[in-house]
Each structure stands twice: as C-alpha cells, then as structure tokens.
Amino acid sequence: MVGIVRRMKKAIVLFSGGMDSTACLYWALQKYDEIFLLSFLYGSKEDKTIDRISKTFSSLLSLKNEILHLPFLEEFSQKAGSSLTKLEKELPRINSIEQLDEEELTLHTAMEVWVPGRNLLFLSIAASLADSSKVPTDIIFGANKEEGTTFSDNTLDFVNRMNKALELGCLNQITIQAPFHDADKKDIVRFLEENEAEIGLSSSCYQVKDWTKEGKPIHCGLCESCQRRKRAFIQANINDPTVYK
C-alpha cells in the first residue's frame, strides 16, 4: 500500500459507505488534521443507504460531510441501461463466491451496473470543491486491485492520469491518493479490523432494504458485491459482522 508522510493538509474522502471508502476514511484519520466526507446520490438503488451511512460515520467520528445530488447522472445512467438506476431492472446475481473467479461472468455483471463516467465525475467534483479552498487538499479514493480487474477506473493508472489532469485543471495543490490501489478485499478487511473500524455499519450491498436495531444494513447476500464481501472475510480469516438477509 502507498504510504504518505503526515502533512498539515486537508483530506476529502469520497465516501459511499462501502468497505473500500470506509477503509479510506480510517486511513485518513491517521494522517490528516482535517477530514471531510463527500458522498453522491444519483438515483441509484443505493441512494438511501449511502445517505444514511454517510451521516452515521460523520456523526460517529465527528466529521463534516456533504451529500450532493446529481440528477443528471441518474438520467445518463438510465440511458446507458444500468441496473443500478433502472428500478425495474433486476441487479445481476452471482450464485456463489467461487463464481467470482469466472472472468467472463464478472465482466458481464460489471457492465450491468456500470454508471457512465461515475468515478471520473466524482473525482472532478471533489477536485472542484478542493480547488475552492486555499488549503492544499488530498482526495482519498477507494480504488483497489480487486475492483480494478473489472473496472478500469479503479486502477492506479487511472488515478495517475487524473492527477496529471489536476495539475493543469486546478490552481490549488490537489492530489488524489489511492492508499489501497494494490490491495484485495481481504487486505482491506484486515486493515479495518486492525484499526477497530465499525465494519458492520458499512454496506457493500446494491439493494439494502432493511436495517437492524443497531443501525447495521441488512445485506441481500446475493449480489456480486455481497459475494465479494463474504469472500473477503473468509480469506482474511476474520469473523464477518455483516448481517445478511
């Protein structure tokens, strides 16, 4: 993983409430004096979950947060036929964690949930927000090796190219950091466990429909994201605090 010397800088954490962005949050807590959570809602089946978990963690850790609504991205996503935003379209399922190794299948499911230019847009908006400040700012982004196998906008190459663009596109000193770019989900689970993160409050599920009394999202256990979460805890040999339907 990438290590950074502690600096008196501000961090904007792109926060969806999943394990990756939750790990980014706990990583940033160790390195920055000011942390700001930035979340996006765009008409997806995850909107209510993202909204709730962002507020939960900002309250739990006494952090500022901003939740931005992007209705135009919902429109673009529906035009592309993404099952994340087309409410009448069922999300793809993977029947077992063993199927996660089937490249053709996972590429198909990735295209089914693809939202046009999502990470490109999220990072650009975060950079615009950071550029409005006179304080040097890092944007903390949850790109990781496992997601990068099916999504090219989750790779270090993507991050490096975005940083080159920010050098020309912003006046403020802004850098995108991807501390888990070379990590698998099991590595992320281990990091969260080691740092005593509230993993059970995070959500990997595309279709959370209910919550426990303790505020934990109840995962469907069937979507690809849930299967990856299950596998990560098994491979990390760590007890899974997730509630599955």
Protein backbone atom coordinates (compact mmCIF):
# COMPACT_ATOMS: atom_id res chain seq x y z
CA MET A 1 0.00 0.00 0.00
CA VAL A 2 1.06 3.58 -0.57
CA GLY A 3 2.46 5.35 2.48
CA ILE A 4 2.47 9.11 2.95
CA VAL A 5 4.37 11.23 5.46
CA ARG A 6 1.90 13.07 7.69
CA ARG A 7 1.28 16.60 6.46
CA MET A 8 -0.79 19.53 7.67
CA LYS A 9 -3.29 19.06 4.88
CA LYS A 10 -6.97 18.63 4.38
CA ALA A 11 -8.46 15.39 3.10
CA ILE A 12 -11.70 14.93 1.19
CA VAL A 13 -12.75 11.29 1.44
CA LEU A 14 -15.00 10.07 -1.36
CA PHE A 15 -17.42 8.13 0.80
CA SER A 16 -20.03 5.64 -0.41
CA GLY A 17 -20.31 3.73 2.85
CA GLY A 18 -18.72 0.58 1.42
CA MET A 19 -15.70 -1.25 2.83
CA ASP A 20 -13.28 0.44 0.44
CA SER A 21 -14.29 4.00 1.27
CA THR A 22 -14.61 3.13 4.97
CA ALA A 23 -11.00 1.90 4.89
CA CYS A 24 -10.01 5.16 3.18
CA LEU A 25 -11.71 7.07 5.98
CA TYR A 26 -9.87 5.21 8.75
CA TRP A 27 -6.62 5.54 6.81
CA ALA A 28 -7.13 9.29 6.54
CA LEU A 29 -7.84 9.57 10.27
CA GLN A 30 -4.22 8.59 10.89
CA LYS A 31 -2.71 11.12 8.50
CA TYR A 32 -4.73 14.32 8.24
CA ASP A 33 -5.72 17.10 10.61
CA GLU A 34 -8.94 17.97 8.77
CA ILE A 35 -11.18 15.38 7.11
CA PHE A 36 -14.30 15.99 5.07
CA LEU A 37 -16.65 13.28 3.81
CA LEU A 38 -18.11 13.75 0.33
CA SER A 39 -20.92 11.48 -0.87
CA PHE A 40 -23.06 11.46 -4.02
CA LEU A 41 -26.66 10.47 -4.69
CA TYR A 42 -27.72 9.89 -8.29
CA GLY A 43 -30.95 7.94 -8.22
CA SER A 44 -29.34 4.56 -7.64
CA LYS A 45 -30.73 1.69 -5.61
CA GLU A 46 -28.03 2.54 -3.08
CA ASP A 47 -29.03 6.18 -2.52
CA LYS A 48 -30.83 5.76 0.81
CA THR A 49 -28.06 3.50 2.08
CA ILE A 50 -25.30 5.92 1.06
CA ASP A 51 -27.16 8.83 2.66
CA ARG A 52 -27.72 7.00 5.94
CA ILE A 53 -24.23 5.55 6.28
CA SER A 54 -22.54 8.83 5.40
CA LYS A 55 -24.49 10.54 8.17
CA THR A 56 -23.77 7.67 10.55
CA PHE A 57 -19.99 7.81 10.15
CA SER A 58 -19.81 11.61 10.12
CA SER A 59 -21.72 11.63 13.42
CA LEU A 60 -19.77 8.72 14.90
CA LEU A 61 -16.39 10.33 14.14
CA SER A 62 -17.47 13.99 14.49
CA LEU A 63 -16.61 14.84 10.89
CA LYS A 64 -18.06 17.32 8.43
CA ASN A 65 -19.84 15.77 5.48
CA GLU A 66 -21.51 16.87 2.27
CA ILE A 67 -24.05 14.83 0.32
CA LEU A 68 -24.55 16.06 -3.23
CA HIS A 69 -27.45 15.11 -5.50
CA LEU A 70 -26.64 14.54 -9.18
CA PRO A 71 -29.95 14.04 -11.03
CA PHE A 72 -28.25 14.40 -14.41
CA LEU A 73 -26.09 11.35 -13.67
CA GLU A 74 -29.24 9.36 -12.97
CA GLU A 75 -30.50 10.37 -16.41
CA PHE A 76 -27.23 9.39 -18.09
CA SER A 77 -27.12 6.09 -16.20
CA GLN A 78 -30.66 5.17 -17.18
CA LYS A 79 -29.87 5.91 -20.82
CA ALA A 80 -26.95 3.51 -20.53
CA GLY A 81 -29.29 0.86 -19.11
CA SER A 82 -27.52 0.47 -15.77
CA SER A 83 -29.37 -1.84 -13.40
CA LEU A 84 -28.20 0.42 -10.55
CA THR A 85 -30.56 3.21 -11.57
CA LYS A 86 -33.25 1.48 -13.63
CA LEU A 87 -35.56 0.49 -10.78
CA GLU A 88 -37.50 -2.00 -12.91
CA LYS A 89 -34.30 -3.81 -13.92
CA GLU A 90 -33.02 -6.55 -11.63
CA LEU A 91 -29.44 -6.44 -10.44
CA PRO A 92 -27.15 -9.25 -11.61
CA ARG A 93 -26.55 -12.06 -9.13
CA ILE A 94 -23.68 -14.42 -8.55
CA ASN A 95 -24.70 -17.72 -7.02
CA SER A 96 -21.51 -18.47 -5.11
CA ILE A 97 -18.17 -16.91 -4.19
CA GLU A 98 -16.49 -19.48 -6.46
CA GLN A 99 -18.08 -17.76 -9.46
CA LEU A 100 -16.12 -14.60 -8.65
CA ASP A 101 -13.18 -16.23 -10.41
CA GLU A 102 -15.11 -16.57 -13.67
CA GLU A 103 -13.77 -13.62 -15.68
CA GLU A 104 -16.45 -13.62 -18.36
CA LEU A 105 -19.23 -13.62 -15.77
CA THR A 106 -17.77 -10.85 -13.63
CA LEU A 107 -17.10 -8.66 -16.68
CA HIS A 108 -20.77 -9.09 -17.64
CA THR A 109 -22.01 -8.14 -14.17
CA ALA A 110 -19.67 -5.15 -14.13
CA MET A 111 -21.18 -3.82 -17.36
CA GLU A 112 -24.68 -4.35 -15.95
CA VAL A 113 -24.00 -1.95 -13.07
CA TRP A 114 -21.77 0.49 -14.97
CA VAL A 115 -22.63 4.15 -14.41
CA PRO A 116 -21.19 6.32 -17.23
CA GLY A 117 -18.05 8.16 -16.11
CA ARG A 118 -19.01 7.91 -12.44
CA ASN A 119 -15.56 7.95 -10.85
CA LEU A 120 -14.32 10.45 -13.41
CA LEU A 121 -17.19 12.74 -12.45
CA PHE A 122 -16.92 12.18 -8.68
CA LEU A 123 -13.21 12.96 -8.64
CA SER A 124 -13.70 16.04 -10.81
CA ILE A 125 -16.39 17.39 -8.47
CA ALA A 126 -14.20 16.66 -5.46
CA ALA A 127 -11.33 18.47 -7.18
CA SER A 128 -13.54 21.48 -7.88
CA LEU A 129 -14.51 21.58 -4.20
CA ALA A 130 -10.86 21.27 -3.19
CA ASP A 131 -9.87 23.99 -5.65
CA SER A 132 -12.24 26.42 -3.91
CA SER A 133 -10.07 26.19 -0.80
CA LYS A 134 -6.67 27.80 -0.25
CA VAL A 135 -5.60 24.78 1.78
CA PRO A 136 -3.62 22.02 -0.02
CA THR A 137 -6.03 19.11 -0.25
CA ASP A 138 -5.81 15.39 -0.89
CA ILE A 139 -8.75 13.47 -2.31
CA ILE A 140 -8.88 9.96 -0.84
CA PHE A 141 -10.26 7.46 -3.32
CA GLY A 142 -11.02 3.77 -2.75
CA ALA A 143 -9.54 2.29 -5.92
CA ASN A 144 -8.29 -1.23 -5.27
CA LYS A 145 -6.74 -4.14 -7.15
CA GLU A 146 -9.79 -6.40 -6.93
CA GLU A 147 -12.21 -3.81 -8.34
CA GLY A 148 -9.58 -2.82 -10.90
CA THR A 149 -9.76 -6.22 -12.56
CA THR A 150 -13.22 -5.37 -13.94
CA PHE A 151 -13.40 -1.57 -13.66
CA SER A 152 -10.60 0.39 -15.36
CA ASP A 153 -11.50 3.49 -13.32
CA ASN A 154 -10.38 1.65 -10.17
CA THR A 155 -6.76 1.30 -11.23
CA LEU A 156 -3.59 3.18 -10.31
CA ASP A 157 -3.15 4.11 -13.98
CA PHE A 158 -6.50 5.93 -13.87
CA VAL A 159 -5.50 7.74 -10.65
CA ASN A 160 -2.14 8.79 -12.08
CA ARG A 161 -3.75 10.18 -15.23
CA MET A 162 -6.32 12.08 -13.19
CA ASN A 163 -3.55 13.61 -11.11
CA LYS A 164 -1.83 14.80 -14.28
CA ALA A 165 -5.07 16.49 -15.34
CA LEU A 166 -5.44 18.16 -11.93
CA GLU A 167 -2.02 19.76 -12.31
CA LEU A 168 -3.42 21.73 -15.25
CA GLY A 169 -7.07 21.93 -14.25
CA CYS A 170 -6.77 23.35 -10.72
CA LEU A 171 -4.97 26.27 -9.09
CA ASN A 172 -4.83 24.74 -5.62
CA GLN A 173 -2.44 21.93 -4.71
CA ILE A 174 -4.65 18.85 -5.09
CA THR A 175 -3.62 15.21 -5.21
CA ILE A 176 -5.71 12.06 -5.47
CA GLN A 177 -4.49 9.38 -3.09
CA ALA A 178 -5.48 5.73 -3.54
CA PRO A 179 -3.97 4.05 -0.48
CA PHE A 180 -5.44 0.62 -1.30
CA HIS A 181 -4.71 0.53 -5.03
CA ASP A 182 -2.67 -2.67 -4.67
CA ALA A 183 -4.98 -4.33 -2.13
CA ASP A 184 -7.56 -7.08 -2.44
CA LYS A 185 -10.77 -7.05 -0.41
CA LYS A 186 -9.23 -9.39 2.17
CA ASP A 187 -6.41 -6.86 2.72
CA ILE A 188 -8.99 -4.14 3.21
CA VAL A 189 -10.88 -6.27 5.74
CA ARG A 190 -7.65 -6.86 7.66
CA PHE A 191 -6.89 -3.14 7.68
CA LEU A 192 -10.37 -2.34 9.00
CA GLU A 193 -10.08 -4.99 11.70
CA GLU A 194 -6.63 -3.82 12.78
CA ASN A 195 -7.88 -0.24 13.06
CA GLU A 196 -11.01 -1.19 15.01
CA ALA A 197 -13.31 0.25 12.37
CA GLU A 198 -17.07 -0.16 12.63
CA ILE A 199 -17.16 -2.61 9.72
CA GLY A 200 -20.68 -3.80 10.46
CA LEU A 201 -22.05 -0.30 9.85
CA SER A 202 -20.64 -0.24 6.31
CA SER A 203 -22.55 -1.59 3.32
CA SER A 204 -21.39 -3.48 0.25
CA CYS A 205 -24.90 -4.38 -0.90
CA TYR A 206 -26.53 -2.93 -4.03
CA GLN A 207 -30.02 -3.37 -2.59
CA VAL A 208 -30.24 -2.86 1.18
CA LYS A 209 -33.92 -2.86 2.11
CA ASP A 210 -33.84 -3.01 5.90
CA TRP A 211 -31.70 -2.26 8.94
CA THR A 212 -31.09 -3.81 12.34
CA LYS A 213 -31.92 -2.01 15.59
CA GLU A 214 -28.18 -1.28 15.91
CA GLY A 215 -28.18 0.51 12.57
CA LYS A 216 -26.49 -2.22 10.56
CA PRO A 217 -27.61 -2.58 6.94
CA ILE A 218 -29.11 -5.96 6.12
CA HIS A 219 -27.31 -7.23 3.01
CA CYS A 220 -29.10 -9.26 0.36
CA GLY A 221 -26.21 -11.74 0.24
CA LEU A 222 -26.85 -12.40 -3.46
CA CYS A 223 -25.38 -9.54 -5.48
CA GLU A 224 -21.75 -9.68 -6.63
CA SER A 225 -20.73 -7.03 -4.15
CA CYS A 226 -22.13 -9.07 -1.26
CA GLN A 227 -20.33 -12.17 -2.50
CA ARG A 228 -17.03 -10.29 -2.64
CA ARG A 229 -17.61 -9.08 0.91
CA LYS A 230 -18.30 -12.63 2.13
CA ARG A 231 -15.19 -13.96 0.41
CA ALA A 232 -13.01 -11.21 1.84
CA PHE A 233 -13.82 -12.14 5.43
CA ILE A 234 -13.31 -15.84 4.70
CA GLN A 235 -9.94 -15.24 3.04
CA ALA A 236 -8.87 -12.85 5.80
CA ASN A 237 -9.93 -15.42 8.42
CA ILE A 238 -11.84 -12.73 10.29
CA ASN A 239 -15.33 -13.03 11.75
CA ASP A 240 -17.86 -11.35 9.48
CA PRO A 241 -20.06 -8.89 11.44
CA THR A 242 -22.25 -8.29 8.38
CA VAL A 243 -25.96 -9.05 8.64
CA TYR A 244 -27.20 -10.97 5.60
CA LYS A 245 -30.85 -11.44 4.73
